[in-house]
N, C-alpha and C. Protein backbone atom coordinates (compact mmCIF):
# COMPACT_ATOMS: atom_id res chain seq x y z
N MET A 1 97.80 82.77 89.81
CA MET A 1 99.09 82.48 89.43
C MET A 1 99.60 81.31 90.13
N ASN A 2 100.46 80.44 89.46
CA ASN A 2 101.07 79.38 90.15
C ASN A 2 102.28 79.90 90.71
N MET A 3 102.70 79.19 91.77
CA MET A 3 103.90 79.46 92.60
C MET A 3 104.95 78.30 92.71
N THR A 4 106.22 78.73 92.73
CA THR A 4 107.17 77.65 93.09
C THR A 4 107.17 77.42 94.52
N HIS A 5 107.62 76.14 94.87
CA HIS A 5 107.56 75.86 96.33
C HIS A 5 108.49 76.81 97.18
N TYR A 6 109.53 77.43 96.49
CA TYR A 6 110.29 78.53 97.11
C TYR A 6 109.34 79.72 97.45
N MET A 7 108.68 80.15 96.56
CA MET A 7 107.83 81.32 96.72
C MET A 7 106.66 81.00 97.70
N GLU A 8 106.18 79.78 97.65
CA GLU A 8 105.04 79.35 98.62
C GLU A 8 105.60 79.29 100.03
N LEU A 9 106.77 78.86 100.25
CA LEU A 9 107.36 78.87 101.51
C LEU A 9 107.59 80.22 102.07
N LEU A 10 107.87 81.25 101.37
CA LEU A 10 108.07 82.52 101.76
C LEU A 10 106.66 83.13 101.99
N ALA A 11 105.72 82.83 101.25
CA ALA A 11 104.50 83.46 101.24
C ALA A 11 103.45 82.78 102.45
N THR A 12 103.82 81.61 102.78
CA THR A 12 102.94 80.98 103.87
C THR A 12 103.50 81.45 105.20
N ASN A 13 102.59 81.45 106.18
CA ASN A 13 102.93 81.80 107.58
C ASN A 13 103.43 83.13 107.74
N GLN A 14 102.91 84.18 107.03
CA GLN A 14 103.32 85.55 107.08
C GLN A 14 103.36 86.07 108.42
N PRO A 15 104.30 86.76 108.96
CA PRO A 15 105.50 87.26 108.18
C PRO A 15 106.64 86.27 108.61
N TRP A 16 106.41 85.24 109.40
CA TRP A 16 107.40 84.44 109.91
C TRP A 16 108.46 83.68 108.94
N ASN A 17 107.86 82.93 108.02
CA ASN A 17 108.55 82.20 107.15
C ASN A 17 109.55 83.21 106.19
N LEU A 18 108.99 84.28 105.90
CA LEU A 18 109.83 85.38 105.14
C LEU A 18 110.90 85.84 106.11
N PHE A 19 110.72 86.08 107.31
CA PHE A 19 111.68 86.32 108.33
C PHE A 19 112.66 85.32 108.47
N ILE A 20 112.29 84.10 108.78
CA ILE A 20 113.16 82.95 109.05
C ILE A 20 113.98 82.40 107.73
N PHE A 21 113.45 82.39 106.58
CA PHE A 21 114.03 81.86 105.47
C PHE A 21 114.67 82.96 104.50
N MET A 22 114.23 84.19 104.71
CA MET A 22 114.89 85.29 103.89
C MET A 22 115.62 86.42 104.56
N ALA A 23 114.77 86.90 105.51
CA ALA A 23 115.47 88.11 106.14
C ALA A 23 116.64 87.83 107.03
N ILE A 24 116.64 86.77 107.99
CA ILE A 24 117.75 86.50 108.67
C ILE A 24 118.95 86.02 107.95
N PRO A 25 118.82 85.15 107.01
CA PRO A 25 120.03 84.79 106.35
C PRO A 25 120.46 85.90 105.32
N VAL A 26 119.69 86.67 104.84
CA VAL A 26 120.18 87.75 103.82
C VAL A 26 120.81 88.77 104.61
N VAL A 27 120.20 89.24 105.73
CA VAL A 27 120.79 90.29 106.54
C VAL A 27 122.31 89.91 107.04
N LEU A 28 122.31 88.65 107.48
CA LEU A 28 123.58 88.13 107.85
C LEU A 28 124.60 87.99 106.70
N ALA A 29 124.12 87.50 105.59
CA ALA A 29 125.00 87.35 104.43
C ALA A 29 125.51 88.67 103.94
N GLU A 30 124.55 89.63 103.83
CA GLU A 30 124.96 90.92 103.36
C GLU A 30 125.84 91.71 104.33
N THR A 31 125.70 91.47 105.60
CA THR A 31 126.58 92.13 106.60
C THR A 31 127.98 91.47 106.23
N LEU A 32 128.01 90.15 106.10
CA LEU A 32 129.32 89.47 105.82
C LEU A 32 129.95 90.09 104.65
N ALA A 33 129.06 90.30 103.45
CA ALA A 33 129.64 90.79 102.10
C ALA A 33 130.22 92.15 102.34
N ILE A 34 129.41 93.02 103.05
CA ILE A 34 129.93 94.38 103.32
C ILE A 34 131.07 94.47 104.19
N THR A 35 131.25 93.67 105.20
CA THR A 35 132.46 93.69 106.00
C THR A 35 133.62 93.07 105.33
N GLU A 36 133.30 92.21 104.50
CA GLU A 36 134.41 91.57 103.73
C GLU A 36 135.04 92.50 102.79
N LEU A 37 134.13 93.28 102.16
CA LEU A 37 134.73 94.41 101.29
C LEU A 37 135.58 95.46 102.01
N TYR A 38 135.14 95.71 103.25
CA TYR A 38 135.95 96.65 104.14
C TYR A 38 137.28 96.13 104.43
N ILE A 39 137.30 94.75 104.74
CA ILE A 39 138.61 94.00 105.17
C ILE A 39 139.42 93.81 103.93
N LEU A 40 138.78 93.59 102.80
CA LEU A 40 139.63 93.45 101.52
C LEU A 40 140.36 94.85 101.24
N PHE A 41 139.71 95.96 101.42
CA PHE A 41 140.24 97.26 101.10
C PHE A 41 141.32 97.73 102.22
N THR A 42 140.93 97.37 103.42
CA THR A 42 141.82 98.11 104.48
C THR A 42 142.78 97.00 105.09
N ARG A 43 142.60 95.77 104.73
CA ARG A 43 143.47 94.67 105.19
C ARG A 43 143.71 94.69 106.84
N ARG A 44 142.48 95.36 107.47
CA ARG A 44 142.51 95.37 108.99
C ARG A 44 141.84 93.99 109.56
N PHE A 45 142.63 93.29 110.11
CA PHE A 45 142.33 91.98 110.70
C PHE A 45 142.07 92.06 112.22
N ASP A 46 141.64 93.31 112.59
CA ASP A 46 141.30 93.46 114.01
C ASP A 46 140.13 94.49 114.05
N GLY A 47 139.61 94.67 115.26
CA GLY A 47 138.68 95.72 115.48
C GLY A 47 137.24 95.24 115.21
N TYR A 48 136.33 96.26 115.39
CA TYR A 48 134.87 95.99 115.27
C TYR A 48 134.43 95.32 114.06
N VAL A 49 134.92 96.00 112.92
CA VAL A 49 134.39 95.41 111.68
C VAL A 49 134.83 93.91 111.29
N TYR A 50 136.06 93.54 111.77
CA TYR A 50 136.54 92.31 111.61
C TYR A 50 135.91 91.26 112.59
N LEU A 51 135.52 91.75 113.70
CA LEU A 51 134.74 90.96 114.63
C LEU A 51 133.26 90.71 114.22
N LEU A 52 132.68 91.63 113.63
CA LEU A 52 131.33 91.64 113.01
C LEU A 52 131.37 90.72 111.73
N ASN A 53 132.40 90.75 111.14
CA ASN A 53 132.43 89.89 109.90
C ASN A 53 132.65 88.47 110.31
N ARG A 54 133.37 88.05 111.47
CA ARG A 54 133.52 86.77 111.94
C ARG A 54 132.15 86.32 112.59
N PHE A 55 131.57 87.27 113.23
CA PHE A 55 130.11 86.77 113.81
C PHE A 55 129.21 86.54 112.83
N ALA A 56 129.06 87.44 111.72
CA ALA A 56 128.15 87.27 110.67
C ALA A 56 128.47 85.94 109.88
N GLY A 57 129.65 85.66 109.62
CA GLY A 57 130.05 84.46 108.85
C GLY A 57 129.84 83.15 109.58
N THR A 58 130.05 83.12 110.93
CA THR A 58 129.86 81.96 111.61
C THR A 58 128.40 81.70 111.93
N THR A 59 127.63 82.83 112.19
CA THR A 59 126.32 82.82 112.42
C THR A 59 125.51 82.28 111.18
N VAL A 60 125.78 83.03 110.05
CA VAL A 60 124.89 82.49 108.86
C VAL A 60 125.28 81.16 108.43
N GLY A 61 126.50 80.74 108.66
CA GLY A 61 126.95 79.42 108.30
C GLY A 61 126.29 78.29 109.09
N LEU A 62 126.24 78.64 110.42
CA LEU A 62 125.44 77.59 111.24
C LEU A 62 123.92 77.74 110.96
N TYR A 63 123.44 78.87 110.80
CA TYR A 63 122.04 79.04 110.45
C TYR A 63 121.61 78.30 109.26
N PHE A 64 122.41 78.35 108.22
CA PHE A 64 122.10 77.56 106.98
C PHE A 64 122.17 75.97 107.07
N ILE A 65 123.03 75.60 107.99
CA ILE A 65 123.02 74.20 108.43
C ILE A 65 121.70 73.86 108.80
N TRP A 66 121.11 74.60 109.52
CA TRP A 66 119.60 74.37 110.29
C TRP A 66 118.57 74.37 109.04
N ILE A 67 118.79 75.51 108.12
CA ILE A 67 117.93 75.53 107.14
C ILE A 67 118.01 74.44 106.12
N ILE A 68 119.24 74.03 105.78
CA ILE A 68 119.30 72.89 104.85
C ILE A 68 118.65 71.61 105.47
N VAL A 69 119.04 71.26 106.68
CA VAL A 69 118.56 70.15 107.24
C VAL A 69 116.97 70.20 107.34
N TYR A 70 116.46 71.19 107.73
CA TYR A 70 114.97 71.47 108.00
C TYR A 70 114.25 71.30 106.47
N LEU A 71 114.75 72.05 105.56
CA LEU A 71 114.16 71.92 104.37
C LEU A 71 114.24 70.67 103.53
N MET A 72 115.44 70.00 103.78
CA MET A 72 115.49 68.62 103.01
C MET A 72 114.60 67.59 103.69
N THR A 73 114.46 67.74 104.98
CA THR A 73 113.59 66.72 105.74
C THR A 73 112.03 67.02 105.51
N THR A 74 111.77 68.31 105.50
CA THR A 74 110.23 68.68 105.54
C THR A 74 109.71 68.99 104.09
N ALA A 75 110.70 69.31 103.21
CA ALA A 75 110.10 69.80 101.90
C ALA A 75 110.71 68.98 100.74
N VAL A 76 112.04 68.96 100.65
CA VAL A 76 112.70 68.38 99.49
C VAL A 76 112.32 66.93 99.26
N VAL A 77 112.59 66.14 100.39
CA VAL A 77 112.39 64.79 100.22
C VAL A 77 110.85 64.41 100.13
N PRO A 78 109.94 65.06 100.94
CA PRO A 78 108.46 64.77 100.76
C PRO A 78 108.01 65.09 99.35
N ILE A 79 108.46 66.34 98.84
CA ILE A 79 108.01 66.70 97.48
C ILE A 79 108.55 65.73 96.42
N THR A 80 109.81 65.35 96.51
CA THR A 80 110.42 64.43 95.69
C THR A 80 109.65 63.12 95.57
N GLN A 81 109.49 62.50 96.80
CA GLN A 81 108.86 61.23 96.95
C GLN A 81 107.43 61.36 96.41
N ALA A 82 106.76 62.46 96.60
CA ALA A 82 105.37 62.58 96.06
C ALA A 82 105.37 62.92 94.49
N GLY A 83 106.43 63.33 93.97
CA GLY A 83 106.62 63.69 92.59
C GLY A 83 105.83 64.99 92.29
N GLU A 84 106.06 65.92 93.28
CA GLU A 84 105.20 67.12 93.16
C GLU A 84 106.05 68.34 92.73
N TRP A 85 107.16 68.17 92.30
CA TRP A 85 107.97 69.32 91.79
C TRP A 85 107.17 69.98 90.74
N ARG A 86 107.16 71.38 90.57
CA ARG A 86 106.37 72.22 89.71
C ARG A 86 107.31 72.55 88.69
N THR A 87 107.73 71.70 87.90
CA THR A 87 108.64 71.94 86.66
C THR A 87 110.01 72.27 87.18
N ILE A 88 110.92 72.25 86.19
CA ILE A 88 112.41 72.46 86.50
C ILE A 88 112.56 73.80 87.17
N ILE A 89 111.70 74.76 86.87
CA ILE A 89 111.80 76.01 87.55
C ILE A 89 111.74 75.95 89.11
N ASP A 90 110.94 74.94 89.50
CA ASP A 90 110.75 74.86 90.94
C ASP A 90 112.00 74.28 91.50
N ILE A 91 112.49 73.18 90.87
CA ILE A 91 113.82 72.59 91.32
C ILE A 91 114.91 73.46 91.22
N VAL A 92 115.08 74.24 90.31
CA VAL A 92 116.27 75.22 90.22
C VAL A 92 115.97 76.25 91.43
N ALA A 93 114.82 76.86 91.78
CA ALA A 93 114.68 77.64 92.68
C ALA A 93 115.07 77.18 94.19
N VAL A 94 114.43 75.96 94.53
CA VAL A 94 114.73 75.40 95.81
C VAL A 94 116.16 74.88 95.72
N GLY A 95 116.69 74.17 94.76
CA GLY A 95 117.99 73.69 94.66
C GLY A 95 119.02 74.77 94.88
N THR A 96 119.00 75.85 94.21
CA THR A 96 119.85 76.89 94.14
C THR A 96 119.89 77.68 95.52
N TYR A 97 118.73 77.70 96.10
CA TYR A 97 118.55 78.39 97.51
C TYR A 97 119.52 77.59 98.46
N LEU A 98 119.28 76.24 98.45
CA LEU A 98 120.02 75.27 99.32
C LEU A 98 121.50 75.37 99.09
N ILE A 99 121.82 75.40 97.80
CA ILE A 99 123.27 75.42 97.42
C ILE A 99 123.92 76.73 97.81
N ALA A 100 123.21 77.69 97.79
CA ALA A 100 123.74 79.05 98.28
C ALA A 100 124.22 79.16 99.55
N GLY A 101 123.73 78.19 100.45
CA GLY A 101 124.15 78.11 101.84
C GLY A 101 125.49 77.44 101.99
N LEU A 102 125.89 76.58 101.13
CA LEU A 102 127.12 75.84 101.25
C LEU A 102 128.40 76.62 101.35
N PRO A 103 128.50 77.63 100.55
CA PRO A 103 129.68 78.47 100.74
C PRO A 103 129.79 79.22 102.09
N LEU A 104 128.58 79.60 102.56
CA LEU A 104 128.47 80.21 103.96
C LEU A 104 128.86 79.21 105.06
N ILE A 105 128.41 78.03 104.82
CA ILE A 105 128.72 76.98 105.83
C ILE A 105 130.39 76.71 105.77
N TRP A 106 130.89 76.87 104.55
CA TRP A 106 132.42 76.66 104.51
C TRP A 106 133.05 77.83 105.34
N ILE A 107 132.37 79.13 105.15
CA ILE A 107 133.05 80.35 105.94
C ILE A 107 133.00 79.99 107.31
N ALA A 108 131.87 79.52 107.91
CA ALA A 108 131.75 79.08 109.25
C ALA A 108 132.77 78.19 109.69
N LEU A 109 132.88 77.07 108.85
CA LEU A 109 133.91 76.07 109.23
C LEU A 109 135.27 76.60 109.20
N GLN A 110 135.57 77.51 108.34
CA GLN A 110 136.91 78.29 108.25
C GLN A 110 137.09 79.02 109.51
N GLU A 111 136.10 79.77 109.89
CA GLU A 111 136.11 80.54 111.02
C GLU A 111 136.39 79.70 112.40
N PHE A 112 136.01 78.50 112.53
CA PHE A 112 136.07 77.62 113.50
C PHE A 112 137.30 76.88 113.60
N GLY A 113 138.14 77.03 112.36
CA GLY A 113 139.38 76.49 112.26
C GLY A 113 139.18 74.99 111.78
N LEU A 114 138.16 74.53 111.21
CA LEU A 114 137.92 73.17 110.80
C LEU A 114 138.48 72.98 109.43
N VAL A 115 138.56 74.02 108.57
CA VAL A 115 139.06 73.94 107.21
C VAL A 115 139.99 75.05 106.95
N GLY A 116 140.91 74.92 106.08
CA GLY A 116 141.77 75.97 105.65
C GLY A 116 142.69 76.48 106.67
N ARG A 117 143.13 75.45 107.58
CA ARG A 117 144.06 76.07 108.63
C ARG A 117 145.31 76.54 108.18
N LYS A 118 145.89 75.87 107.06
CA LYS A 118 147.23 76.19 106.58
C LYS A 118 147.16 77.39 105.68
N LEU A 119 146.05 77.88 105.46
CA LEU A 119 145.99 79.20 104.52
C LEU A 119 146.57 80.43 105.36
N THR A 120 147.17 81.37 104.54
CA THR A 120 147.66 82.52 105.17
C THR A 120 146.39 83.52 105.37
N GLN A 121 146.50 84.50 106.13
CA GLN A 121 145.41 85.49 106.28
C GLN A 121 144.87 85.85 104.99
N GLU A 122 145.78 86.15 104.14
CA GLU A 122 145.44 86.70 102.69
C GLU A 122 144.57 85.43 101.96
N GLY A 123 145.05 84.28 102.16
CA GLY A 123 144.41 83.09 101.42
C GLY A 123 143.00 83.03 102.10
N LYS A 124 142.86 83.09 103.38
CA LYS A 124 141.57 83.09 103.96
C LYS A 124 140.68 84.13 103.49
N LEU A 125 141.18 85.36 103.37
CA LEU A 125 140.37 86.43 102.90
C LEU A 125 139.94 86.22 101.45
N LYS A 126 140.76 85.78 100.63
CA LYS A 126 140.47 85.36 99.24
C LYS A 126 139.32 84.26 99.14
N LEU A 127 139.54 83.28 99.99
CA LEU A 127 138.51 82.19 99.94
C LEU A 127 137.01 82.73 100.52
N HIS A 128 137.20 83.59 101.55
CA HIS A 128 135.95 84.16 102.04
C HIS A 128 135.18 84.95 100.90
N ALA A 129 136.05 85.79 100.18
CA ALA A 129 135.42 86.60 99.09
C ALA A 129 134.80 85.68 98.09
N ILE A 130 135.47 84.54 97.66
CA ILE A 130 134.97 83.63 96.73
C ILE A 130 133.64 83.06 97.27
N CYS A 131 133.68 82.65 98.60
CA CYS A 131 132.51 82.06 99.06
C CYS A 131 131.23 83.03 99.09
N VAL A 132 131.46 84.24 99.44
CA VAL A 132 130.55 85.34 99.45
C VAL A 132 129.88 85.43 98.10
N ALA A 133 130.78 85.50 97.06
CA ALA A 133 130.48 85.66 95.60
C ALA A 133 129.53 84.54 95.23
N LEU A 134 130.01 83.29 95.66
CA LEU A 134 129.16 82.14 95.21
C LEU A 134 127.85 82.22 95.88
N PHE A 135 127.71 82.61 97.14
CA PHE A 135 126.32 82.72 97.87
C PHE A 135 125.56 83.84 97.09
N LEU A 136 126.13 84.88 96.68
CA LEU A 136 125.35 85.99 95.91
C LEU A 136 124.88 85.30 94.52
N VAL A 137 125.65 84.66 93.80
CA VAL A 137 125.25 84.06 92.55
C VAL A 137 124.03 83.12 92.69
N PHE A 138 124.36 82.21 93.57
CA PHE A 138 123.29 81.07 93.91
C PHE A 138 121.97 81.75 94.40
N GLY A 139 122.22 82.54 95.40
CA GLY A 139 121.01 83.19 96.03
C GLY A 139 120.20 84.10 95.09
N HIS A 140 120.84 84.72 94.22
CA HIS A 140 120.06 85.47 93.12
C HIS A 140 119.42 84.62 92.08
N ILE A 141 120.07 83.60 91.75
CA ILE A 141 119.34 82.57 90.91
C ILE A 141 118.22 82.02 91.55
N ALA A 142 118.26 81.77 92.93
CA ALA A 142 117.13 81.08 93.54
C ALA A 142 115.98 82.22 93.65
N MET A 143 116.28 83.49 93.96
CA MET A 143 115.38 84.42 93.99
C MET A 143 114.57 84.62 92.65
N ILE A 144 115.31 84.72 91.68
CA ILE A 144 114.81 84.99 90.30
C ILE A 144 113.99 83.84 89.81
N SER A 145 114.48 82.50 89.89
CA SER A 145 113.78 81.49 89.45
C SER A 145 112.50 81.13 90.42
N GLY A 146 112.76 81.44 91.63
CA GLY A 146 111.52 81.28 92.58
C GLY A 146 110.38 82.16 92.29
N MET A 147 110.70 83.39 91.74
CA MET A 147 109.64 84.31 91.46
C MET A 147 108.92 83.93 89.97
N LEU A 148 109.43 83.11 89.29
CA LEU A 148 108.82 82.74 87.98
C LEU A 148 107.57 81.85 88.31
N ASP A 149 106.74 81.93 87.39
CA ASP A 149 105.50 81.10 87.29
C ASP A 149 105.89 79.81 86.70
N PRO A 150 105.70 78.61 87.48
CA PRO A 150 106.01 77.41 86.89
C PRO A 150 105.10 76.99 85.78
N GLY A 151 104.01 77.74 85.61
CA GLY A 151 103.08 77.63 84.60
C GLY A 151 103.67 77.83 83.25
N LEU A 152 104.73 78.54 83.29
CA LEU A 152 105.43 78.93 81.92
C LEU A 152 105.95 77.71 81.41
N LEU A 153 106.23 76.54 82.20
CA LEU A 153 106.61 75.27 81.47
C LEU A 153 105.55 74.32 81.75
N GLY A 154 104.29 74.69 81.74
CA GLY A 154 103.18 73.79 81.78
C GLY A 154 102.54 73.33 83.06
N TYR A 155 103.13 73.79 84.21
CA TYR A 155 102.59 73.42 85.43
C TYR A 155 101.19 74.00 85.69
N ASN A 156 100.14 73.32 86.23
CA ASN A 156 98.89 73.77 86.40
C ASN A 156 98.51 73.39 87.83
N ALA A 157 98.22 74.29 88.65
CA ALA A 157 98.05 74.10 90.15
C ALA A 157 96.61 73.26 90.39
N MET A 158 95.94 73.41 89.35
CA MET A 158 94.50 72.82 89.54
C MET A 158 94.52 71.29 89.32
N THR A 159 95.71 70.77 88.80
CA THR A 159 95.68 69.27 88.61
C THR A 159 96.68 68.70 89.52
N HIS A 160 97.33 69.53 90.57
CA HIS A 160 98.31 68.99 91.45
C HIS A 160 97.98 69.56 92.79
N SER A 161 98.40 68.60 93.78
CA SER A 161 98.23 69.01 95.22
C SER A 161 99.38 69.90 95.59
N THR A 162 99.42 70.60 96.72
CA THR A 162 100.56 71.36 97.05
C THR A 162 101.07 70.91 98.41
N PRO A 163 102.02 70.00 98.37
CA PRO A 163 102.57 69.30 99.73
C PRO A 163 102.90 70.36 100.74
N LEU A 164 103.49 71.45 100.43
CA LEU A 164 103.86 72.40 101.55
C LEU A 164 102.62 72.87 102.22
N HIS A 165 101.63 73.12 101.61
CA HIS A 165 100.36 73.85 102.14
C HIS A 165 99.63 72.61 102.71
N ASP A 166 99.47 71.53 102.09
CA ASP A 166 98.59 70.39 102.70
C ASP A 166 99.11 69.80 103.87
N GLN A 167 100.44 69.67 103.92
CA GLN A 167 101.09 69.08 105.08
C GLN A 167 101.56 70.01 106.05
N ASN A 168 101.26 71.38 105.84
CA ASN A 168 101.79 72.27 106.80
C ASN A 168 103.40 72.27 106.98
N LEU A 169 104.00 71.92 105.93
CA LEU A 169 105.49 71.79 106.07
C LEU A 169 106.11 73.10 106.08
N SER A 170 105.51 74.21 105.58
CA SER A 170 106.06 75.39 105.49
C SER A 170 106.02 76.29 106.80
N THR A 171 105.62 75.75 107.76
CA THR A 171 105.46 76.53 109.11
C THR A 171 106.27 76.08 110.10
N PRO A 172 107.52 76.31 110.23
CA PRO A 172 108.49 75.58 111.12
C PRO A 172 108.03 75.78 112.68
N VAL A 173 107.27 76.86 113.00
CA VAL A 173 106.81 77.01 114.40
C VAL A 173 105.74 75.94 114.71
N GLN A 174 104.99 75.52 113.76
CA GLN A 174 104.03 74.60 114.01
C GLN A 174 104.30 73.14 113.59
N ASN A 175 105.52 72.88 113.12
CA ASN A 175 105.89 71.50 112.77
C ASN A 175 106.34 70.68 113.81
N PRO A 176 105.53 69.62 114.15
CA PRO A 176 105.84 68.88 115.40
C PRO A 176 107.13 68.07 115.30
N HIS A 177 107.74 67.96 114.03
CA HIS A 177 108.95 67.15 113.92
C HIS A 177 110.15 68.06 114.50
N LEU A 178 109.96 69.29 114.52
CA LEU A 178 111.06 70.12 114.95
C LEU A 178 111.01 70.69 116.37
N SER A 179 110.07 69.99 117.05
CA SER A 179 109.96 70.42 118.58
C SER A 179 111.31 70.05 119.24
N HIS A 180 111.72 70.96 120.11
CA HIS A 180 112.88 70.79 120.74
C HIS A 180 112.61 70.15 122.19
């Protein structure tokens, strides 16, 4: 079966890529979503749940900055330059995954006081909820389209190379361009 680059990224270098690109951001984002609901219902802007919400929001936002920069430089740009997208299914999967991180980055910026400074606590709470909802929508679109076979729209792996696998771009631990 053919795979999107999204699915190939998660399947390569097991279990590390699954952990790095799916488990960590999803656990943080789901923690953010659950604590957001608690705060929405209780209006408690103090205590452990509120601190956990702020931690999850800032951490996942900063984490997605790294993910976006890493995937843009090691996957999106090289795949685009090589003309190796595996139909629109592949573009939607990777694109919506990257777009899903943008509302989480906004939450982190808001938590650091870089955006939305003039909003009331209620306004910040509403914006947080909207950002979490946008993440969930785009994240689910990415997962669903990422699991589709690009062969449905004519892609055939036998006639194309696989840039992620060939250039070892899907293994952040082994990528020399990311050495600190």
